[in-house]
Amino acid sequence: MLNLITNQEHKDSELYKQEQAQIVEIKDKVALTIREAAEYSNIGINKLESLLRSPRCPFVLYVGKKKLVKRKEFEKFIADNIEI
């Protein structure tokens, strides 16, 4: 027999509380994924990937082969430029 729980029972569960405690808001992150940076800035993923490929990109952070966006440097880049 399936043991189904209601949405309220899930929200009251200890597992749900642990899941919510692990969520970090974008404003509190040091580095963002490309998708997070795109959502945060309203700049498309393709444009961000293009910017991250440039040799002197001030906000790229390599973690192995993965590229992340340094949030504060990215914010400064946006503030300092009127066109990208």
PDB file of N, CA and C in Angstrom:
ATOM      1  N   MET A   1       0.838  -1.180   0.000  1.00  0.00           N
ATOM      2  CA  MET A   1       0.000   0.000   0.000  1.00  0.00           C
ATOM      3  C   MET A   1       0.883   1.244   0.000  1.00  0.00           C
ATOM      4  N   LEU A   2       0.526   2.223  -0.786  1.00  0.00           N
ATOM      5  CA  LEU A   2       1.273   3.480  -0.842  1.00  0.00           C
ATOM      6  C   LEU A   2       1.009   4.297   0.401  1.00  0.00           C
ATOM      7  N   ASN A   3       2.063   4.894   0.897  1.00  0.00           N
ATOM      8  CA  ASN A   3       1.930   5.762   2.063  1.00  0.00           C
ATOM      9  C   ASN A   3       2.104   7.204   1.585  1.00  0.00           C
ATOM     10  N   LEU A   4       1.000   7.872   1.299  1.00  0.00           N
ATOM     11  CA  LEU A   4       1.030   9.235   0.794  1.00  0.00           C
ATOM     12  C   LEU A   4       0.859  10.210   1.947  1.00  0.00           C
ATOM     13  N   ILE A   5       1.614  11.316   1.860  1.00  0.00           N
ATOM     14  CA  ILE A   5       1.453  12.356   2.878  1.00  0.00           C
ATOM     15  C   ILE A   5       0.921  13.616   2.220  1.00  0.00           C
ATOM     16  N   THR A   6       0.231  14.404   2.977  1.00  0.00           N
ATOM     17  CA  THR A   6      -0.310  15.649   2.442  1.00  0.00           C
ATOM     18  C   THR A   6       0.796  16.686   2.358  1.00  0.00           C
ATOM     19  N   ASN A   7       0.524  17.737   1.628  1.00  0.00           N
ATOM     20  CA  ASN A   7       1.479  18.828   1.487  1.00  0.00           C
ATOM     21  C   ASN A   7       1.790  19.452   2.851  1.00  0.00           C
ATOM     22  N   GLN A   8       0.784  19.615   3.678  1.00  0.00           N
ATOM     23  CA  GLN A   8       0.986  20.200   5.006  1.00  0.00           C
ATOM     24  C   GLN A   8       1.844  19.288   5.877  1.00  0.00           C
ATOM     25  N   GLU A   9       1.610  17.986   5.792  1.00  0.00           N
ATOM     26  CA  GLU A   9       2.433  17.046   6.560  1.00  0.00           C
ATOM     27  C   GLU A   9       3.893  17.133   6.119  1.00  0.00           C
ATOM     28  N   HIS A  10       4.106  17.299   4.814  1.00  0.00           N
ATOM     29  CA  HIS A  10       5.474  17.441   4.298  1.00  0.00           C
ATOM     30  C   HIS A  10       6.122  18.706   4.856  1.00  0.00           C
ATOM     31  N   LYS A  11       5.380  19.821   4.848  1.00  0.00           N
ATOM     32  CA  LYS A  11       5.925  21.081   5.345  1.00  0.00           C
ATOM     33  C   LYS A  11       6.213  21.027   6.837  1.00  0.00           C
ATOM     34  N   ASP A  12       5.501  20.198   7.556  1.00  0.00           N
ATOM     35  CA  ASP A  12       5.726  20.046   8.990  1.00  0.00           C
ATOM     36  C   ASP A  12       6.859  19.066   9.291  1.00  0.00           C
ATOM     37  N   SER A  13       7.301  18.329   8.291  1.00  0.00           N
ATOM     38  CA  SER A  13       8.305  17.290   8.517  1.00  0.00           C
ATOM     39  C   SER A  13       9.689  17.876   8.761  1.00  0.00           C
ATOM     40  N   GLU A  14      10.499  17.106   9.419  1.00  0.00           N
ATOM     41  CA  GLU A  14      11.877  17.506   9.721  1.00  0.00           C
ATOM     42  C   GLU A  14      12.701  17.609   8.440  1.00  0.00           C
ATOM     43  N   LEU A  15      12.467  16.728   7.468  1.00  0.00           N
ATOM     44  CA  LEU A  15      13.187  16.739   6.194  1.00  0.00           C
ATOM     45  C   LEU A  15      12.937  18.042   5.453  1.00  0.00           C
ATOM     46  N   TYR A  16      11.703  18.509   5.418  1.00  0.00           N
ATOM     47  CA  TYR A  16      11.370  19.771   4.754  1.00  0.00           C
ATOM     48  C   TYR A  16      12.109  20.924   5.413  1.00  0.00           C
ATOM     49  N   LYS A  17      12.153  20.936   6.720  1.00  0.00           N
ATOM     50  CA  LYS A  17      12.842  22.006   7.449  1.00  0.00           C
ATOM     51  C   LYS A  17      14.336  21.998   7.131  1.00  0.00           C
ATOM     52  N   GLN A  18      14.924  20.814   7.003  1.00  0.00           N
ATOM     53  CA  GLN A  18      16.336  20.714   6.651  1.00  0.00           C
ATOM     54  C   GLN A  18      16.570  21.207   5.221  1.00  0.00           C
ATOM     55  N   GLU A  19      15.654  20.861   4.300  1.00  0.00           N
ATOM     56  CA  GLU A  19      15.776  21.319   2.910  1.00  0.00           C
ATOM     57  C   GLU A  19      15.731  22.838   2.843  1.00  0.00           C
ATOM     58  N   GLN A  20      14.833  23.452   3.571  1.00  0.00           N
ATOM     59  CA  GLN A  20      14.694  24.901   3.567  1.00  0.00           C
ATOM     60  C   GLN A  20      15.911  25.581   4.189  1.00  0.00           C
ATOM     61  N   ALA A  21      16.505  24.971   5.186  1.00  0.00           N
ATOM     62  CA  ALA A  21      17.680  25.545   5.839  1.00  0.00           C
ATOM     63  C   ALA A  21      18.886  25.537   4.906  1.00  0.00           C
ATOM     64  N   GLN A  22      18.907  24.624   3.933  1.00  0.00           N
ATOM     65  CA  GLN A  22      20.045  24.506   3.026  1.00  0.00           C
ATOM     66  C   GLN A  22      19.961  25.464   1.844  1.00  0.00           C
ATOM     67  N   ILE A  23      18.823  26.080   1.608  1.00  0.00           N
ATOM     68  CA  ILE A  23      18.665  26.990   0.479  1.00  0.00           C
ATOM     69  C   ILE A  23      19.378  28.305   0.787  1.00  0.00           C
ATOM     70  N   VAL A  24      20.278  28.705  -0.117  1.00  0.00           N
ATOM     71  CA  VAL A  24      21.022  29.953   0.040  1.00  0.00           C
ATOM     72  C   VAL A  24      20.520  30.922  -1.017  1.00  0.00           C
ATOM     73  N   GLU A  25      20.125  32.108  -0.595  1.00  0.00           N
ATOM     74  CA  GLU A  25      19.638  33.104  -1.533  1.00  0.00           C
ATOM     75  C   GLU A  25      20.791  33.628  -2.389  1.00  0.00           C
ATOM     76  N   ILE A  26      20.462  34.056  -3.604  1.00  0.00           N
ATOM     77  CA  ILE A  26      21.483  34.546  -4.536  1.00  0.00           C
ATOM     78  C   ILE A  26      22.276  35.696  -3.933  1.00  0.00           C
ATOM     79  N   LYS A  27      21.615  36.589  -3.219  1.00  0.00           N
ATOM     80  CA  LYS A  27      22.313  37.741  -2.631  1.00  0.00           C
ATOM     81  C   LYS A  27      23.347  37.331  -1.591  1.00  0.00           C
ATOM     82  N   ASP A  28      23.244  36.100  -1.083  1.00  0.00           N
ATOM     83  CA  ASP A  28      24.184  35.615  -0.074  1.00  0.00           C
ATOM     84  C   ASP A  28      25.288  34.736  -0.660  1.00  0.00           C
ATOM     85  N   LYS A  29      25.220  34.458  -1.944  1.00  0.00           N
ATOM     86  CA  LYS A  29      26.222  33.593  -2.574  1.00  0.00           C
ATOM     87  C   LYS A  29      27.415  34.414  -3.043  1.00  0.00           C
ATOM     88  N   VAL A  30      28.575  33.830  -2.981  1.00  0.00           N
ATOM     89  CA  VAL A  30      29.800  34.458  -3.480  1.00  0.00           C
ATOM     90  C   VAL A  30      29.921  34.221  -4.974  1.00  0.00           C
ATOM     91  N   ALA A  31      29.585  33.013  -5.409  1.00  0.00           N
ATOM     92  CA  ALA A  31      29.684  32.650  -6.825  1.00  0.00           C
ATOM     93  C   ALA A  31      28.350  32.077  -7.295  1.00  0.00           C
ATOM     94  N   LEU A  32      28.007  32.396  -8.534  1.00  0.00           N
ATOM     95  CA  LEU A  32      26.743  31.957  -9.117  1.00  0.00           C
ATOM     96  C   LEU A  32      27.003  31.040 -10.301  1.00  0.00           C
ATOM     97  N   THR A  33      26.067  30.141 -10.560  1.00  0.00           N
ATOM     98  CA  THR A  33      26.127  29.389 -11.812  1.00  0.00           C
ATOM     99  C   THR A  33      25.738  30.345 -12.930  1.00  0.00           C
ATOM    100  N   ILE A  34      25.985  29.938 -14.157  1.00  0.00           N
ATOM    101  CA  ILE A  34      25.623  30.785 -15.295  1.00  0.00           C
ATOM    102  C   ILE A  34      24.114  31.003 -15.321  1.00  0.00           C
ATOM    103  N   ARG A  35      23.363  29.978 -15.023  1.00  0.00           N
ATOM    104  CA  ARG A  35      21.893  30.099 -15.010  1.00  0.00           C
ATOM    105  C   ARG A  35      21.440  31.083 -13.926  1.00  0.00           C
ATOM    106  N   GLU A  36      22.022  30.986 -12.734  1.00  0.00           N
ATOM    107  CA  GLU A  36      21.670  31.924 -11.658  1.00  0.00           C
ATOM    108  C   GLU A  36      22.030  33.359 -12.041  1.00  0.00           C
ATOM    109  N   ALA A  37      23.209  33.536 -12.640  1.00  0.00           N
ATOM    110  CA  ALA A  37      23.635  34.877 -13.054  1.00  0.00           C
ATOM    111  C   ALA A  37      22.702  35.432 -14.122  1.00  0.00           C
ATOM    112  N   ALA A  38      22.227  34.574 -15.014  1.00  0.00           N
ATOM    113  CA  ALA A  38      21.296  35.004 -16.055  1.00  0.00           C
ATOM    114  C   ALA A  38      19.971  35.451 -15.440  1.00  0.00           C
ATOM    115  N   GLU A  39      19.458  34.677 -14.508  1.00  0.00           N
ATOM    116  CA  GLU A  39      18.207  35.042 -13.841  1.00  0.00           C
ATOM    117  C   GLU A  39      18.378  36.311 -13.021  1.00  0.00           C
ATOM    118  N   TYR A  40      19.491  36.418 -12.336  1.00  0.00           N
ATOM    119  CA  TYR A  40      19.782  37.553 -11.462  1.00  0.00           C
ATOM    120  C   TYR A  40      19.895  38.856 -12.244  1.00  0.00           C
ATOM    121  N   SER A  41      20.523  38.805 -13.417  1.00  0.00           N
ATOM    122  CA  SER A  41      20.835  40.020 -14.180  1.00  0.00           C
ATOM    123  C   SER A  41      19.891  40.283 -15.345  1.00  0.00           C
ATOM    124  N   ASN A  42      19.096  39.283 -15.707  1.00  0.00           N
ATOM    125  CA  ASN A  42      18.240  39.367 -16.889  1.00  0.00           C
ATOM    126  C   ASN A  42      19.070  39.478 -18.171  1.00  0.00           C
ATOM    127  N   ILE A  43      20.276  38.918 -18.138  1.00  0.00           N
ATOM    128  CA  ILE A  43      21.142  38.804 -19.313  1.00  0.00           C
ATOM    129  C   ILE A  43      21.073  37.342 -19.751  1.00  0.00           C
ATOM    130  N   GLY A  44      20.969  37.106 -21.039  1.00  0.00           N
ATOM    131  CA  GLY A  44      20.821  35.743 -21.544  1.00  0.00           C
ATOM    132  C   GLY A  44      22.026  34.859 -21.262  1.00  0.00           C
ATOM    133  N   ILE A  45      21.767  33.575 -21.201  1.00  0.00           N
ATOM    134  CA  ILE A  45      22.823  32.587 -20.942  1.00  0.00           C
ATOM    135  C   ILE A  45      23.888  32.630 -22.036  1.00  0.00           C
ATOM    136  N   ASN A  46      23.476  32.738 -23.291  1.00  0.00           N
ATOM    137  CA  ASN A  46      24.452  32.776 -24.390  1.00  0.00           C
ATOM    138  C   ASN A  46      25.362  33.993 -24.282  1.00  0.00           C
ATOM    139  N   LYS A  47      24.807  35.142 -23.945  1.00  0.00           N
ATOM    140  CA  LYS A  47      25.612  36.358 -23.797  1.00  0.00           C
ATOM    141  C   LYS A  47      26.575  36.206 -22.621  1.00  0.00           C
ATOM    142  N   LEU A  48      26.100  35.646 -21.511  1.00  0.00           N
ATOM    143  CA  LEU A  48      26.986  35.435 -20.363  1.00  0.00           C
ATOM    144  C   LEU A  48      28.124  34.479 -20.710  1.00  0.00           C
ATOM    145  N   GLU A  49      27.804  33.404 -21.401  1.00  0.00           N
ATOM    146  CA  GLU A  49      28.855  32.457 -21.798  1.00  0.00           C
ATOM    147  C   GLU A  49      29.880  33.138 -22.695  1.00  0.00           C
ATOM    148  N   SER A  50      29.423  33.999 -23.573  1.00  0.00           N
ATOM    149  CA  SER A  50      30.327  34.753 -24.444  1.00  0.00           C
ATOM    150  C   SER A  50      31.240  35.666 -23.623  1.00  0.00           C
ATOM    151  N   LEU A  51      30.671  36.376 -22.645  1.00  0.00           N
ATOM    152  CA  LEU A  51      31.473  37.243 -21.776  1.00  0.00           C
ATOM    153  C   LEU A  51      32.479  36.435 -20.964  1.00  0.00           C
ATOM    154  N   LEU A  52      32.068  35.269 -20.482  1.00  0.00           N
ATOM    155  CA  LEU A  52      32.952  34.429 -19.670  1.00  0.00           C
ATOM    156  C   LEU A  52      34.108  33.846 -20.482  1.00  0.00           C
ATOM    157  N   ARG A  53      33.931  33.713 -21.789  1.00  0.00           N
ATOM    158  CA  ARG A  53      35.007  33.194 -22.652  1.00  0.00           C
ATOM    159  C   ARG A  53      36.090  34.222 -22.927  1.00  0.00           C
ATOM    160  N   SER A  54      35.795  35.496 -22.732  1.00  0.00           N
ATOM    161  CA  SER A  54      36.806  36.519 -23.043  1.00  0.00           C
ATOM    162  C   SER A  54      37.993  36.381 -22.085  1.00  0.00           C
ATOM    163  N   PRO A  55      39.209  36.554 -22.606  1.00  0.00           N
ATOM    164  CA  PRO A  55      40.417  36.287 -21.809  1.00  0.00           C
ATOM    165  C   PRO A  55      40.549  37.131 -20.536  1.00  0.00           C
ATOM    166  N   ARG A  56      40.056  38.326 -20.534  1.00  0.00           N
ATOM    167  CA  ARG A  56      40.220  39.211 -19.376  1.00  0.00           C
ATOM    168  C   ARG A  56      38.915  39.415 -18.608  1.00  0.00           C
ATOM    169  N   CYS A  57      38.044  38.445 -18.652  1.00  0.00           N
ATOM    170  CA  CYS A  57      36.768  38.558 -17.950  1.00  0.00           C
ATOM    171  C   CYS A  57      37.028  38.675 -16.447  1.00  0.00           C
ATOM    172  N   PRO A  58      36.586  39.773 -15.830  1.00  0.00           N
ATOM    173  CA  PRO A  58      36.908  40.006 -14.420  1.00  0.00           C
ATOM    174  C   PRO A  58      36.053  39.205 -13.429  1.00  0.00           C
ATOM    175  N   PHE A  59      35.009  38.544 -13.931  1.00  0.00           N
ATOM    176  CA  PHE A  59      34.110  37.878 -12.994  1.00  0.00           C
ATOM    177  C   PHE A  59      34.000  36.366 -13.190  1.00  0.00           C
ATOM    178  N   VAL A  60      34.899  35.789 -13.992  1.00  0.00           N
ATOM    179  CA  VAL A  60      34.864  34.339 -14.176  1.00  0.00           C
ATOM    180  C   VAL A  60      35.675  33.658 -13.083  1.00  0.00           C
ATOM    181  N   LEU A  61      35.161  32.529 -12.601  1.00  0.00           N
ATOM    182  CA  LEU A  61      35.850  31.699 -11.611  1.00  0.00           C
ATOM    183  C   LEU A  61      35.797  30.266 -12.119  1.00  0.00           C
ATOM    184  N   TYR A  62      36.960  29.670 -12.360  1.00  0.00           N
ATOM    185  CA  TYR A  62      37.018  28.294 -12.838  1.00  0.00           C
ATOM    186  C   TYR A  62      37.102  27.342 -11.649  1.00  0.00           C
ATOM    187  N   VAL A  63      36.226  26.362 -11.658  1.00  0.00           N
ATOM    188  CA  VAL A  63      36.264  25.280 -10.675  1.00  0.00           C
ATOM    189  C   VAL A  63      36.381  24.010 -11.506  1.00  0.00           C
ATOM    190  N   GLY A  64      37.615  23.580 -11.718  1.00  0.00           N
ATOM    191  CA  GLY A  64      37.854  22.509 -12.684  1.00  0.00           C
ATOM    192  C   GLY A  64      37.508  23.034 -14.065  1.00  0.00           C
ATOM    193  N   LYS A  65      36.621  22.342 -14.765  1.00  0.00           N
ATOM    194  CA  LYS A  65      36.170  22.797 -16.085  1.00  0.00           C
ATOM    195  C   LYS A  65      34.932  23.675 -15.984  1.00  0.00           C
ATOM    196  N   LYS A  66      34.346  23.718 -14.813  1.00  0.00           N
ATOM    197  CA  LYS A  66      33.114  24.475 -14.603  1.00  0.00           C
ATOM    198  C   LYS A  66      33.416  25.961 -14.440  1.00  0.00           C
ATOM    199  N   LYS A  67      32.586  26.791 -15.065  1.00  0.00           N
ATOM    200  CA  LYS A  67      32.736  28.241 -14.937  1.00  0.00           C
ATOM    201  C   LYS A  67      31.641  28.765 -14.012  1.00  0.00           C
ATOM    202  N   LEU A  68      32.043  29.552 -13.046  1.00  0.00           N
ATOM    203  CA  LEU A  68      31.106  30.235 -12.166  1.00  0.00           C
ATOM    204  C   LEU A  68      31.292  31.740 -12.335  1.00  0.00           C
ATOM    205  N   VAL A  69      30.324  32.486 -11.843  1.00  0.00           N
ATOM    206  CA  VAL A  69      30.347  33.944 -11.936  1.00  0.00           C
ATOM    207  C   VAL A  69      30.534  34.510 -10.535  1.00  0.00           C
ATOM    208  N   LYS A  70      31.617  35.276 -10.343  1.00  0.00           N
ATOM    209  CA  LYS A  70      31.836  35.948  -9.058  1.00  0.00           C
ATOM    210  C   LYS A  70      30.818  37.081  -8.951  1.00  0.00           C
ATOM    211  N   ARG A  71      29.902  36.954  -8.000  1.00  0.00           N
ATOM    212  CA  ARG A  71      28.750  37.849  -7.925  1.00  0.00           C
ATOM    213  C   ARG A  71      29.128  39.319  -7.778  1.00  0.00           C
ATOM    214  N   LYS A  72      29.992  39.659  -6.836  1.00  0.00           N
ATOM    215  CA  LYS A  72      30.327  41.066  -6.607  1.00  0.00           C
ATOM    216  C   LYS A  72      31.038  41.685  -7.805  1.00  0.00           C
ATOM    217  N   GLU A  73      31.967  40.943  -8.417  1.00  0.00           N
ATOM    218  CA  GLU A  73      32.669  41.440  -9.593  1.00  0.00           C
ATOM    219  C   GLU A  73      31.703  41.598 -10.768  1.00  0.00           C
ATOM    220  N   PHE A  74      30.735  40.676 -10.863  1.00  0.00           N
ATOM    221  CA  PHE A  74      29.719  40.740 -11.902  1.00  0.00           C
ATOM    222  C   PHE A  74      28.838  41.978 -11.706  1.00  0.00           C
ATOM    223  N   GLU A  75      28.433  42.240 -10.482  1.00  0.00           N
ATOM    224  CA  GLU A  75      27.638  43.440 -10.188  1.00  0.00           C
ATOM    225  C   GLU A  75      28.409  44.705 -10.552  1.00  0.00           C
ATOM    226  N   LYS A  76      29.703  44.733 -10.224  1.00  0.00           N
ATOM    227  CA  LYS A  76      30.533  45.895 -10.553  1.00  0.00           C
ATOM    228  C   LYS A  76      30.650  46.053 -12.067  1.00  0.00           C
ATOM    229  N   PHE A  77      30.848  44.938 -12.772  1.00  0.00           N
ATOM    230  CA  PHE A  77      30.932  44.966 -14.231  1.00  0.00           C
ATOM    231  C   PHE A  77      29.666  45.577 -14.825  1.00  0.00           C
ATOM    232  N   ILE A  78      28.517  45.168 -14.341  1.00  0.00           N
ATOM    233  CA  ILE A  78      27.241  45.694 -14.841  1.00  0.00           C
ATOM    234  C   ILE A  78      27.123  47.182 -14.518  1.00  0.00           C
ATOM    235  N   ALA A  79      27.498  47.571 -13.301  1.00  0.00           N
ATOM    236  CA  ALA A  79      27.394  48.970 -12.884  1.00  0.00           C
ATOM    237  C   ALA A  79      28.321  49.870 -13.698  1.00  0.00           C
ATOM    238  N   ASP A  80      29.495  49.351 -14.098  1.00  0.00           N
ATOM    239  CA  ASP A  80      30.494  50.156 -14.800  1.00  0.00           C
ATOM    240  C   ASP A  80      30.278  50.243 -16.312  1.00  0.00           C
ATOM    241  N   ASN A  81      29.385  49.421 -16.858  1.00  0.00           N
ATOM    242  CA  ASN A  81      29.177  49.374 -18.316  1.00  0.00           C
ATOM    243  C   ASN A  81      27.756  49.791 -18.653  1.00  0.00           C
ATOM    244  N   ILE A  82      27.639  50.525 -19.756  1.00  0.00           N
ATOM    245  CA  ILE A  82      26.302  50.910 -20.204  1.00  0.00           C
ATOM    246  C   ILE A  82      25.842  50.039 -21.377  1.00  0.00           C
ATOM    247  N   GLU A  83      26.752  49.257 -21.912  1.00  0.00           N
ATOM    248  CA  GLU A  83      26.436  48.384 -23.034  1.00  0.00           C
ATOM    249  C   GLU A  83      27.336  47.169 -22.994  1.00  0.00           C
ATOM    250  N   ILE A  84      26.745  45.993 -23.286  1.00  0.00           N
ATOM    251  CA  ILE A  84      27.574  44.785 -23.373  1.00  0.00           C
ATOM    252  C   ILE A  84      27.269  44.054 -24.657  1.00  0.00           C
TER     253      ILE A  84
END
